[in-house]
C-alpha atoms as a PDB file:
ATOM      1  CA  MET A   1      24.685 -25.080 -13.540  1.00  0.00           C
ATOM      2  CA  ARG A   2      26.699 -26.196 -10.932  1.00  0.00           C
ATOM      3  CA  PRO A   3      23.876 -27.202  -7.811  1.00  0.00           C
ATOM      4  CA  GLU A   4      24.506 -24.493  -5.020  1.00  0.00           C
ATOM      5  CA  LYS A   5      23.871 -21.879  -8.401  1.00  0.00           C
ATOM      6  CA  THR A   6      20.246 -24.493  -9.164  1.00  0.00           C
ATOM      7  CA  SER A   7      19.465 -24.039  -5.727  1.00  0.00           C
ATOM      8  CA  ILE A   8      20.372 -20.817  -4.920  1.00  0.00           C
ATOM      9  CA  VAL A   9      18.066 -19.895  -8.437  1.00  0.00           C
ATOM     10  CA  SER A  10      15.018 -22.086  -6.820  1.00  0.00           C
ATOM     11  CA  ASP A  11      14.622 -20.706  -3.204  1.00  0.00           C
ATOM     12  CA  LEU A  12      14.793 -16.821  -4.945  1.00  0.00           C
ATOM     13  CA  ALA A  13      11.964 -18.479  -7.270  1.00  0.00           C
ATOM     14  CA  GLU A  14       9.972 -20.236  -4.565  1.00  0.00           C
ATOM     15  CA  LYS A  15       9.849 -16.621  -2.632  1.00  0.00           C
ATOM     16  CA  LEU A  16       8.434 -14.753  -5.641  1.00  0.00           C
ATOM     17  CA  LYS A  17       5.999 -16.965  -6.077  1.00  0.00           C
ATOM     18  CA  HIS A  18       4.443 -16.682  -2.544  1.00  0.00           C
ATOM     19  CA  SER A  19       5.115 -13.375  -2.346  1.00  0.00           C
ATOM     20  CA  PRO A  20       2.211 -10.553  -3.773  1.00  0.00           C
ATOM     21  CA  PHE A  21       5.063  -7.757  -4.910  1.00  0.00           C
ATOM     22  CA  VAL A  22       8.175  -8.489  -6.043  1.00  0.00           C
ATOM     23  CA  LEU A  23      10.658  -5.113  -5.587  1.00  0.00           C
ATOM     24  CA  VAL A  24      13.289  -4.380  -7.350  1.00  0.00           C
ATOM     25  CA  THR A  25      16.002  -2.116  -6.497  1.00  0.00           C
ATOM     26  CA  ASP A  26      19.437  -0.108  -6.559  1.00  0.00           C
ATOM     27  CA  TYR A  27      22.085  -0.913  -4.114  1.00  0.00           C
ATOM     28  CA  GLN A  28      25.470   0.963  -5.223  1.00  0.00           C
ATOM     29  CA  HIS A  29      27.106   2.871  -2.939  1.00  0.00           C
ATOM     30  CA  MET A  30      25.015   1.880   0.197  1.00  0.00           C
ATOM     31  CA  LYS A  31      26.954   0.332   2.982  1.00  0.00           C
ATOM     32  CA  VAL A  32      27.010  -2.263   5.353  1.00  0.00           C
ATOM     33  CA  GLY A  33      25.461  -0.671   7.511  1.00  0.00           C
ATOM     34  CA  ASP A  34      22.573   1.693   5.610  1.00  0.00           C
ATOM     35  CA  PHE A  35      21.365  -1.555   4.172  1.00  0.00           C
ATOM     36  CA  GLY A  36      22.072  -3.088   8.058  1.00  0.00           C
ATOM     37  CA  GLU A  37      19.583   0.045   8.397  1.00  0.00           C
ATOM     38  CA  LEU A  38      16.951  -0.610   5.462  1.00  0.00           C
ATOM     39  CA  ARG A  39      16.141  -4.094   6.698  1.00  0.00           C
ATOM     40  CA  ASN A  40      15.748  -3.171   9.887  1.00  0.00           C
ATOM     41  CA  ARG A  41      12.914  -0.548   8.849  1.00  0.00           C
ATOM     42  CA  LEU A  42      11.721  -3.151   6.611  1.00  0.00           C
ATOM     43  CA  ALA A  43      11.755  -5.380   9.028  1.00  0.00           C
ATOM     44  CA  PRO A  44       7.748  -4.249  10.841  1.00  0.00           C
ATOM     45  CA  THR A  45       6.204  -4.887   7.300  1.00  0.00           C
ATOM     46  CA  GLY A  46       7.372  -8.096   6.401  1.00  0.00           C
ATOM     47  CA  ALA A  47       9.670  -7.488   3.844  1.00  0.00           C
ATOM     48  CA  GLU A  48      12.579  -8.845   3.621  1.00  0.00           C
ATOM     49  CA  VAL A  49      16.155  -7.322   1.373  1.00  0.00           C
ATOM     50  CA  HIS A  50      17.839  -9.541  -0.554  1.00  0.00           C
ATOM     51  CA  VAL A  51      20.935  -9.075  -2.469  1.00  0.00           C
ATOM     52  CA  VAL A  52      20.706 -11.002  -6.159  1.00  0.00           C
ATOM     53  CA  LYS A  53      22.962 -11.526  -9.140  1.00  0.00           C
ATOM     54  CA  ASN A  54      21.273 -10.545 -12.036  1.00  0.00           C
ATOM     55  CA  ASN A  55      21.304 -13.408 -14.013  1.00  0.00           C
ATOM     56  CA  PHE A  56      19.860 -15.621 -10.738  1.00  0.00           C
ATOM     57  CA  LEU A  57      16.867 -12.958 -10.575  1.00  0.00           C
ATOM     58  CA  LYS A  58      16.835 -13.104 -14.250  1.00  0.00           C
ATOM     59  CA  ARG A  59      16.620 -16.704 -14.074  1.00  0.00           C
ATOM     60  CA  ALA A  60      14.550 -16.845 -10.840  1.00  0.00           C
ATOM     61  CA  MET A  61      11.021 -14.267 -12.659  1.00  0.00           C
ATOM     62  CA  THR A  62      11.553 -16.999 -15.710  1.00  0.00           C
ATOM     63  CA  ASP A  63      11.171 -19.908 -13.667  1.00  0.00           C
ATOM     64  CA  SER A  64       8.472 -18.010 -11.058  1.00  0.00           C
ATOM     65  CA  GLY A  65       6.093 -16.787 -14.710  1.00  0.00           C
ATOM     66  CA  PHE A  66       7.131 -12.715 -13.953  1.00  0.00           C
ATOM     67  CA  PRO A  67       7.111 -10.138 -17.418  1.00  0.00           C
ATOM     68  CA  ASP A  68      10.699 -10.864 -18.902  1.00  0.00           C
ATOM     69  CA  VAL A  69      12.423  -7.236 -17.936  1.00  0.00           C
ATOM     70  CA  SER A  70      16.770  -8.149 -18.645  1.00  0.00           C
ATOM     71  CA  ASP A  71      16.713  -4.803 -19.895  1.00  0.00           C
ATOM     72  CA  LYS A  72      16.118  -2.960 -16.010  1.00  0.00           C
ATOM     73  CA  LEU A  73      17.975  -5.834 -13.930  1.00  0.00           C
ATOM     74  CA  VAL A  74      21.950  -4.394 -14.756  1.00  0.00           C
ATOM     75  CA  GLY A  75      23.916  -2.941 -11.293  1.00  0.00           C
ATOM     76  CA  GLN A  76      24.468  -3.900  -8.438  1.00  0.00           C
ATOM     77  CA  THR A  77      20.629  -4.837  -7.703  1.00  0.00           C
ATOM     78  CA  ALA A  78      18.635  -6.315  -4.503  1.00  0.00           C
ATOM     79  CA  VAL A  79      14.719  -7.519  -4.416  1.00  0.00           C
ATOM     80  CA  VAL A  80      12.421  -6.681  -1.983  1.00  0.00           C
ATOM     81  CA  THR A  81       9.444  -9.343  -1.078  1.00  0.00           C
ATOM     82  CA  GLY A  82       7.500  -8.927   1.331  1.00  0.00           C
ATOM     83  CA  GLU A  83       3.649 -11.440   2.297  1.00  0.00           C
ATOM     84  CA  LYS A  84       1.660  -7.706   3.033  1.00  0.00           C
ATOM     85  CA  ASP A  85       0.471  -5.127   1.366  1.00  0.00           C
ATOM     86  CA  VAL A  86       2.999  -3.136  -0.814  1.00  0.00           C
ATOM     87  CA  ALA A  87       2.510   0.421  -0.112  1.00  0.00           C
ATOM     88  CA  PRO A  88       3.916   0.806   3.215  1.00  0.00           C
ATOM     89  CA  VAL A  89       7.351  -0.929   1.860  1.00  0.00           C
ATOM     90  CA  ALA A  90       7.159   1.378  -0.889  1.00  0.00           C
ATOM     91  CA  LYS A  91       6.858   4.081   1.420  1.00  0.00           C
ATOM     92  CA  ILE A  92       9.343   3.198   3.494  1.00  0.00           C
ATOM     93  CA  PHE A  93      11.751   2.891   0.216  1.00  0.00           C
ATOM     94  CA  LYS A  94      10.803   6.008  -1.147  1.00  0.00           C
ATOM     95  CA  ARG A  95      11.668   7.455   2.630  1.00  0.00           C
ATOM     96  CA  PHE A  96      15.380   6.002   3.254  1.00  0.00           C
ATOM     97  CA  ALA A  97      16.098   6.984  -0.706  1.00  0.00           C
ATOM     98  CA  THR A  98      15.144  10.590  -0.060  1.00  0.00           C
ATOM     99  CA  GLU A  99      16.911  11.233   3.448  1.00  0.00           C
ATOM    100  CA  PHE A 100      20.547   8.363   1.998  1.00  0.00           C
ATOM    101  CA  LYS A 101      19.845   9.161  -1.262  1.00  0.00           C
ATOM    102  CA  ILE A 102      20.833   5.484  -2.146  1.00  0.00           C
ATOM    103  CA  ALA A 103      18.764   3.017  -2.660  1.00  0.00           C
ATOM    104  CA  ALA A 104      16.385   3.577  -5.737  1.00  0.00           C
ATOM    105  CA  LEU A 105      13.910   1.783  -7.113  1.00  0.00           C
ATOM    106  CA  LYS A 106      14.296  -0.134 -10.453  1.00  0.00           C
ATOM    107  CA  ILE A 107      11.379  -1.436 -10.941  1.00  0.00           C
ATOM    108  CA  GLY A 108       8.548  -3.148  -9.313  1.00  0.00           C
ATOM    109  CA  PHE A 109       5.738  -6.501  -9.684  1.00  0.00           C
ATOM    110  CA  VAL A 110       2.349  -6.167  -8.120  1.00  0.00           C
ATOM    111  CA  ASP A 111       0.875  -9.981  -8.778  1.00  0.00           C
ATOM    112  CA  ARG A 112       3.307 -10.100 -11.861  1.00  0.00           C
ATOM    113  CA  ALA A 113       1.913  -7.110 -13.424  1.00  0.00           C
ATOM    114  CA  VAL A 114       5.015  -4.310 -14.092  1.00  0.00           C
ATOM    115  CA  LEU A 115       5.323  -0.902 -12.253  1.00  0.00           C
ATOM    116  CA  SER A 116       7.315   1.983 -13.118  1.00  0.00           C
ATOM    117  CA  THR A 117       9.278   3.924 -10.717  1.00  0.00           C
ATOM    118  CA  ALA A 118       6.487   6.648 -10.800  1.00  0.00           C
ATOM    119  CA  GLU A 119       4.204   3.880 -10.672  1.00  0.00           C
ATOM    120  CA  LEU A 120       5.478   2.635  -7.399  1.00  0.00           C
ATOM    121  CA  GLU A 121       5.866   6.468  -5.898  1.00  0.00           C
ATOM    122  CA  THR A 122       2.567   6.787  -6.920  1.00  0.00           C
ATOM    123  CA  LEU A 123       2.070   3.590  -4.712  1.00  0.00           C
ATOM    124  CA  ALA A 124       4.303   5.205  -1.496  1.00  0.00           C
ATOM    125  CA  ASP A 125       1.958   8.736  -1.324  1.00  0.00           C
ATOM    126  CA  LEU A 126      -0.815   6.687  -0.632  1.00  0.00           C
ATOM    127  CA  PRO A 127      -2.653   6.056   2.515  1.00  0.00           C
ATOM    128  CA  PRO A 128      -1.826   2.744   4.882  1.00  0.00           C
ATOM    129  CA  HIS A 129      -4.911   0.258   3.515  1.00  0.00           C
ATOM    130  CA  GLU A 130      -6.630   0.576   7.196  1.00  0.00           C
ATOM    131  CA  VAL A 131      -7.245   4.491   6.174  1.00  0.00           C
ATOM    132  CA  LEU A 132      -7.651   3.363   2.355  1.00  0.00           C
ATOM    133  CA  GLN A 133     -10.834   0.839   3.800  1.00  0.00           C
ATOM    134  CA  ALA A 134     -12.269   3.324   5.890  1.00  0.00           C
ATOM    135  CA  GLN A 135     -12.730   5.430   2.924  1.00  0.00           C
ATOM    136  CA  LEU A 136     -14.060   3.454   0.889  1.00  0.00           C
ATOM    137  CA  LEU A 137     -16.999   2.440   3.291  1.00  0.00           C
ATOM    138  CA  GLY A 138     -17.479   6.294   4.528  1.00  0.00           C
ATOM    139  CA  LEU A 139     -18.289   6.419   0.306  1.00  0.00           C
ATOM    140  CA  LEU A 140     -20.511   2.945   0.621  1.00  0.00           C
ATOM    141  CA  LEU A 141     -21.850   4.289   3.756  1.00  0.00           C
ATOM    142  CA  SER A 142     -22.921   8.050   2.275  1.00  0.00           C
ATOM    143  CA  PRO A 143     -25.832   7.662  -0.080  1.00  0.00           C
ATOM    144  CA  ALA A 144     -27.225   5.276   2.178  1.00  0.00           C
ATOM    145  CA  THR A 145     -27.354   7.603   5.501  1.00  0.00           C
ATOM    146  CA  ARG A 146     -28.735  10.533   3.409  1.00  0.00           C
ATOM    147  CA  LEU A 147     -31.433   8.326   2.386  1.00  0.00           C
ATOM    148  CA  VAL A 148     -32.378   8.061   5.811  1.00  0.00           C
ATOM    149  CA  ARG A 149     -32.533  11.385   6.764  1.00  0.00           C
ATOM    150  CA  LEU A 150     -34.832  12.207   3.659  1.00  0.00           C
ATOM    151  CA  LEU A 151     -37.136   9.888   4.330  1.00  0.00           C
ATOM    152  CA  ASN A 152     -37.052  11.118   8.059  1.00  0.00           C
ATOM    153  CA  GLU A 153     -36.985  14.872   7.244  1.00  0.00           C
ATOM    154  CA  PRO A 154     -41.184  14.891   6.763  1.00  0.00           C
ATOM    155  CA  GLY A 155     -41.260  13.452  10.612  1.00  0.00           C
ATOM    156  CA  SER A 156     -38.906  15.292  11.846  1.00  0.00           C
ATOM    157  CA  ALA A 157     -40.701  18.697  10.373  1.00  0.00           C
ATOM    158  CA  LEU A 158     -44.160  17.645  11.313  1.00  0.00           C
ATOM    159  CA  ALA A 159     -42.444  17.096  15.043  1.00  0.00           C
ATOM    160  CA  ARG A 160     -41.417  20.676  14.591  1.00  0.00           C
ATOM    161  CA  LEU A 161     -44.337  22.174  13.686  1.00  0.00           C
ATOM    162  CA  LEU A 162     -46.548  20.296  16.214  1.00  0.00           C
ATOM    163  CA  LYS A 163     -44.314  21.246  18.980  1.00  0.00           C
ATOM    164  CA  ALA A 164     -43.753  24.983  17.654  1.00  0.00           C
ATOM    165  CA  LYS A 165     -47.868  24.816  18.038  1.00  0.00           C
ATOM    166  CA  ALA A 166     -48.196  23.108  20.573  1.00  0.00           C
ATOM    167  CA  GLU A 167     -45.548  26.095  22.259  1.00  0.00           C
ATOM    168  CA  LYS A 168     -47.647  29.098  20.787  1.00  0.00           C
ATOM    169  CA  GLU A 169     -51.289  28.278  22.337  1.00  0.00           C
ATOM    170  CA  GLY A 170     -49.693  27.017  25.057  1.00  0.00           C
ATOM    171  CA  ALA A 171     -48.009  30.799  25.795  1.00  0.00           C
ATOM    172  CA  PRO A 172     -51.142  32.905  26.572  1.00  0.00           C
ATOM    173  CA  ALA A 173     -52.411  30.677  28.801  1.00  0.00           C
ATOM    174  CA  GLU A 174     -48.810  30.665  30.989  1.00  0.00           C
ATOM    175  CA  ALA A 175     -49.276  34.715  30.800  1.00  0.00           C
ATOM    176  CA  ALA A 176     -53.241  35.414  32.276  1.00  0.00           C
ATOM    177  CA  ALA A 177     -52.063  32.948  34.464  1.00  0.00           C
END
């Protein structure tokens, strides 16, 4: 392999190694303006999209320890890598694909685990990471909140009973006055 090709493969392999996720998409029929729009939408999430040759991607994936998915690497291929969470990126791809009818996801990897197109679409439907954390925290705190209410209930019931008794005894005295 020529040195410039070796350099391209090694750079791509480094990007794949340092990214928590890798999405492989088909960019066939995509115009330059559409590709620029996709890049602009991905930029706030910290994700980048790069057009690559399938042979280069196969070698870079092999060098980076990814499973062999060479049967999926056909046609015109672009690779999306990022630094953060994959869910917002998958959401952007799903919205972009429905708007423009292009850029269909072929396959994805999260921590080197292979995800099918259906799994990526399910991932795109998840709420943002912060919302999921808040929901999980709510689930974890729910039993503790119920326990505190249960422990406080006898004292609260006694206080309500004493208040009602005091108001009942105080009512005839006020009527006589």
